[in-house]
Amino acid sequence: MSKVKGAGSRADTVTAAIRADILAGRLIPGQRLTFPELGAVHAVSVGVLREALARLVEQGIVTTVSNQGFSVIALSARDFAELTQVRTLIEPQFIRVSVQAGSTRWESEVVAAHHVLQRTPYFAEDGTAFSPAWNTAHTDFHMTLLAGCSNVYMHDGTARLRDVSALYRRWSPIRSPVDEALARITTEHRDLMDAALAHDADRAETLLREHIQRAADEIVIAREFPEPSAAAQG
């Protein structure tokens, strides 16, 4: 039993590490994910890697191609439009239920997640927007807003949609000036928190739908990507 538990723990760790590399841009869209290269980086067996990559396929950021193995998903304008359409249909309904059902503890968790997001640097070390830490805090804030709802199926589906959206955001320059974009995003997040704490389901639903669509409108689908880093190649 301990062997199985250990293997599962390793798969959890490797899944999280590869996911972080993808969302941070260290593994690029369309890049093949081979067992020898990943095994050299993570020092785990093919079995552990296979389990980790299968989980990432379920999460939507890795795909499989017949006879070619695993790769990071490719990005396309059509897929992003369809992704945004689904998100604007599902997530606003999700937050409506969450805001209506949210407890006092949930309210405190929303405030805490918003505080962390506000205190997390927006810029990465190379000066680009959306640092990995900010991306994590951003996802945590939005998922906390939805945590008042206990429907696990909605949580699982929304987490997948948000991961794929984060990948598109990582590879897209911001159209508007960065200071202007940051000010707008900051205001939108505060408005969402205020609506949640007031248990104003109508306002929360409207604000989230507008927030998702406005963020999508800012994204430009990149046509070319840099070569993978040496670390990503193993």
Protein backbone atom coordinates (compact mmCIF):
# COMPACT_ATOMS: atom_id res chain seq x y z
CA MET A 1 0.00 0.00 0.00
CA SER A 2 2.82 2.41 0.80
CA LYS A 3 4.28 1.88 -2.66
CA VAL A 4 1.01 2.85 -4.31
CA LYS A 5 0.66 5.89 -2.08
CA GLY A 6 4.22 6.93 -2.89
CA ALA A 7 3.62 6.59 -6.61
CA GLY A 8 0.47 8.65 -6.31
CA SER A 9 2.32 11.35 -4.38
CA ARG A 10 5.01 11.49 -7.05
CA ALA A 11 2.37 11.75 -9.76
CA ASP A 12 0.73 14.62 -7.84
CA THR A 13 4.05 16.45 -7.60
CA VAL A 14 4.96 15.92 -11.26
CA THR A 15 1.47 16.90 -12.43
CA ALA A 16 1.73 20.18 -10.51
CA ALA A 17 5.27 20.84 -11.79
CA ILE A 18 4.43 20.24 -15.47
CA ARG A 19 1.23 22.26 -15.12
CA ALA A 20 3.24 25.15 -13.65
CA ASP A 21 5.77 24.92 -16.50
CA ILE A 22 3.00 25.08 -19.07
CA LEU A 23 1.15 28.00 -17.50
CA ALA A 24 4.43 29.90 -16.96
CA GLY A 25 5.42 29.44 -20.61
CA ARG A 26 8.44 27.22 -19.99
CA LEU A 27 6.70 24.57 -22.08
CA ILE A 28 5.19 26.19 -25.16
CA PRO A 29 1.91 25.58 -27.03
CA GLY A 30 2.19 22.63 -29.37
CA GLN A 31 5.43 21.34 -27.82
CA ARG A 32 5.76 17.57 -27.64
CA LEU A 33 6.14 16.17 -24.13
CA THR A 34 8.39 13.14 -24.37
CA PHE A 35 9.10 10.66 -21.61
CA PRO A 36 12.92 10.78 -21.92
CA GLU A 37 13.03 14.58 -21.65
CA LEU A 38 10.48 14.83 -18.83
CA GLY A 39 12.04 11.88 -17.04
CA ALA A 40 15.41 13.61 -17.05
CA VAL A 41 13.90 16.80 -15.62
CA HIS A 42 11.67 15.23 -12.97
CA ALA A 43 13.63 12.03 -12.21
CA VAL A 44 10.57 9.77 -12.22
CA SER A 45 9.50 6.66 -14.08
CA VAL A 46 7.55 6.49 -17.33
CA GLY A 47 4.58 5.18 -15.34
CA VAL A 48 4.51 8.26 -13.12
CA LEU A 49 4.88 10.57 -16.13
CA ARG A 50 2.10 8.79 -17.99
CA GLU A 51 -0.24 9.25 -15.04
CA ALA A 52 0.72 12.92 -14.65
CA LEU A 53 0.24 13.67 -18.35
CA ALA A 54 -3.09 11.83 -18.41
CA ARG A 55 -4.27 14.10 -15.57
CA LEU A 56 -3.17 17.16 -17.54
CA VAL A 57 -5.13 15.90 -20.54
CA GLU A 58 -8.19 15.81 -18.28
CA GLN A 59 -7.39 19.38 -17.21
CA GLY A 60 -7.36 20.49 -20.84
CA ILE A 61 -3.82 21.87 -21.18
CA VAL A 62 -2.20 18.73 -22.62
CA THR A 63 -3.45 16.69 -25.55
CA THR A 64 -2.71 13.33 -27.12
CA VAL A 65 -2.21 12.63 -30.81
CA SER A 66 -2.41 9.11 -32.21
CA ASN A 67 1.07 7.58 -32.54
CA GLN A 68 2.69 10.84 -31.40
CA GLY A 69 2.16 10.80 -27.64
CA PHE A 70 1.53 13.89 -25.52
CA SER A 71 1.94 17.59 -26.27
CA VAL A 72 0.96 20.97 -24.85
CA ILE A 73 -2.28 22.08 -26.48
CA ALA A 74 -1.99 24.32 -29.54
CA LEU A 75 -3.73 27.71 -29.44
CA SER A 76 -6.21 28.95 -32.03
CA ALA A 77 -8.61 31.86 -32.37
CA ARG A 78 -11.53 29.53 -33.01
CA ASP A 79 -10.86 27.40 -29.92
CA PHE A 80 -10.47 30.51 -27.77
CA ALA A 81 -13.76 31.97 -29.03
CA GLU A 82 -15.53 28.72 -28.19
CA LEU A 83 -13.84 28.58 -24.79
CA THR A 84 -14.95 32.12 -23.99
CA GLN A 85 -18.50 31.35 -25.11
CA VAL A 86 -18.70 28.42 -22.70
CA ARG A 87 -17.17 30.41 -19.84
CA THR A 88 -19.61 33.30 -20.23
CA LEU A 89 -22.49 30.83 -20.11
CA ILE A 90 -21.32 28.68 -17.19
CA GLU A 91 -19.31 30.80 -14.75
CA PRO A 92 -21.88 33.60 -14.26
CA GLN A 93 -24.50 30.99 -13.35
CA PHE A 94 -21.98 29.35 -11.03
CA ILE A 95 -21.23 32.57 -9.16
CA ARG A 96 -24.96 33.24 -8.82
CA VAL A 97 -25.41 29.98 -6.90
CA SER A 98 -22.24 30.60 -4.88
CA VAL A 99 -23.24 34.11 -3.84
CA GLN A 100 -26.71 32.94 -2.82
CA ALA A 101 -25.38 30.02 -0.77
CA GLY A 102 -22.11 31.46 0.56
CA SER A 103 -21.55 31.29 4.32
CA THR A 104 -19.81 33.70 6.66
CA ARG A 105 -16.65 31.59 6.41
CA TRP A 106 -16.87 31.81 2.62
CA GLU A 107 -17.12 35.61 2.89
CA SER A 108 -13.91 35.71 4.93
CA GLU A 109 -12.17 33.46 2.39
CA VAL A 110 -13.22 35.78 -0.45
CA VAL A 111 -11.77 38.77 1.42
CA ALA A 112 -8.53 36.89 2.13
CA ALA A 113 -8.13 35.72 -1.49
CA HIS A 114 -8.73 39.25 -2.74
CA HIS A 115 -6.15 40.62 -0.29
CA VAL A 116 -3.54 38.14 -1.53
CA LEU A 117 -4.32 39.03 -5.14
CA GLN A 118 -3.94 42.75 -4.44
CA ARG A 119 -0.60 42.19 -2.71
CA THR A 120 0.86 39.90 -5.39
CA PRO A 121 3.19 41.48 -7.98
CA TYR A 122 1.53 41.76 -11.35
CA PHE A 123 4.77 41.67 -13.31
CA ALA A 124 7.14 38.76 -13.81
CA GLU A 125 10.88 39.17 -13.27
CA ASP A 126 11.39 39.84 -17.00
CA GLY A 127 8.95 42.77 -16.83
CA THR A 128 6.08 41.07 -18.62
CA ALA A 129 2.56 41.22 -17.23
CA PHE A 130 0.88 38.31 -15.43
CA SER A 131 3.62 36.90 -13.22
CA PRO A 132 3.20 33.21 -12.31
CA ALA A 133 2.47 34.23 -8.72
CA TRP A 134 -0.19 36.69 -9.88
CA ASN A 135 -1.73 34.05 -12.13
CA THR A 136 -1.98 31.69 -9.16
CA ALA A 137 -3.49 34.36 -6.90
CA HIS A 138 -5.88 35.38 -9.68
CA THR A 139 -7.10 31.81 -10.14
CA ASP A 140 -7.43 31.34 -6.37
CA PHE A 141 -9.53 34.50 -6.07
CA HIS A 142 -11.92 33.50 -8.82
CA MET A 143 -12.27 29.94 -7.60
CA THR A 144 -12.90 31.23 -4.07
CA LEU A 145 -15.71 33.42 -5.40
CA LEU A 146 -17.30 30.22 -6.70
CA ALA A 147 -16.59 28.15 -3.59
CA GLY A 148 -19.88 29.05 -1.94
CA CYS A 149 -21.44 26.51 -4.30
CA SER A 150 -20.79 22.87 -3.34
CA ASN A 151 -21.44 21.34 -6.77
CA VAL A 152 -18.19 19.46 -7.49
CA TYR A 153 -19.03 19.01 -11.16
CA MET A 154 -19.21 22.76 -11.66
CA HIS A 155 -15.92 23.20 -9.82
CA ASP A 156 -14.13 20.56 -11.89
CA GLY A 157 -15.38 21.95 -15.19
CA THR A 158 -14.65 25.56 -14.29
CA ALA A 159 -11.10 24.78 -13.11
CA ARG A 160 -10.38 23.20 -16.50
CA LEU A 161 -11.76 26.20 -18.40
CA ARG A 162 -9.75 28.63 -16.28
CA ASP A 163 -6.48 26.75 -16.82
CA VAL A 164 -6.91 26.80 -20.57
CA SER A 165 -7.82 30.50 -20.46
CA ALA A 166 -4.72 31.22 -18.37
CA LEU A 167 -2.58 29.60 -21.05
CA TYR A 168 -4.07 31.85 -23.73
CA ARG A 169 -3.51 34.88 -21.49
CA ARG A 170 0.12 33.90 -20.93
CA TRP A 171 0.86 33.94 -24.66
CA SER A 172 -0.99 37.11 -25.57
CA PRO A 173 0.28 40.71 -25.32
CA ILE A 174 -2.06 43.20 -23.71
CA ARG A 175 -3.68 45.49 -26.25
CA SER A 176 -4.29 48.45 -23.96
CA PRO A 177 -1.54 50.20 -21.93
CA VAL A 178 -0.47 48.00 -19.01
CA ASP A 179 -1.24 50.62 -16.34
CA GLU A 180 -4.70 51.11 -17.79
CA ALA A 181 -5.33 47.36 -17.98
CA LEU A 182 -4.13 46.82 -14.41
CA ALA A 183 -6.34 49.62 -13.06
CA ARG A 184 -9.36 48.18 -14.83
CA ILE A 185 -8.67 44.63 -13.64
CA THR A 186 -8.15 45.86 -10.07
CA THR A 187 -11.48 47.69 -10.11
CA GLU A 188 -13.31 44.72 -11.60
CA HIS A 189 -11.96 42.37 -8.95
CA ARG A 190 -12.94 44.73 -6.14
CA ASP A 191 -16.44 45.10 -7.61
CA LEU A 192 -16.79 41.32 -7.80
CA MET A 193 -15.74 40.97 -4.16
CA ASP A 194 -18.17 43.69 -3.06
CA ALA A 195 -21.06 42.05 -4.95
CA ALA A 196 -20.21 38.69 -3.42
CA LEU A 197 -20.06 40.04 0.13
CA ALA A 198 -23.37 41.82 -0.40
CA HIS A 199 -24.85 38.53 -1.68
CA ASP A 200 -26.04 40.44 -4.73
CA ALA A 201 -26.37 37.51 -7.12
CA ASP A 202 -27.69 39.58 -10.03
CA ARG A 203 -24.79 42.03 -9.89
CA ALA A 204 -22.18 39.32 -9.36
CA GLU A 205 -23.48 37.39 -12.36
CA THR A 206 -23.41 40.46 -14.60
CA LEU A 207 -19.99 41.61 -13.42
CA LEU A 208 -18.40 38.20 -13.95
CA ARG A 209 -19.84 37.81 -17.44
CA GLU A 210 -18.51 41.26 -18.39
CA HIS A 211 -15.15 40.53 -16.72
CA ILE A 212 -14.65 37.30 -18.68
CA GLN A 213 -15.66 38.86 -21.99
CA ARG A 214 -13.56 41.99 -21.50
CA ALA A 215 -10.49 39.92 -20.65
CA ALA A 216 -11.09 37.77 -23.72
CA ASP A 217 -11.39 40.85 -25.92
CA GLU A 218 -7.89 41.88 -24.80
CA ILE A 219 -6.30 38.62 -25.88
CA VAL A 220 -4.54 38.34 -29.22
CA ILE A 221 -3.86 34.78 -30.34
CA ALA A 222 -0.12 34.43 -30.87
CA ARG A 223 0.91 32.94 -34.20
CA GLU A 224 4.50 32.05 -33.35
CA PHE A 225 6.15 30.95 -30.15
CA PRO A 226 9.78 31.05 -29.00
CA GLU A 227 11.93 27.96 -28.95
CA PRO A 228 11.59 25.92 -25.74
CA SER A 229 14.15 26.70 -23.08
CA ALA A 230 16.99 24.31 -22.33
CA ALA A 231 15.34 23.47 -19.01
CA ALA A 232 12.09 22.60 -20.76
CA GLN A 233 13.97 20.37 -23.17
CA GLY A 234 15.71 18.53 -20.33
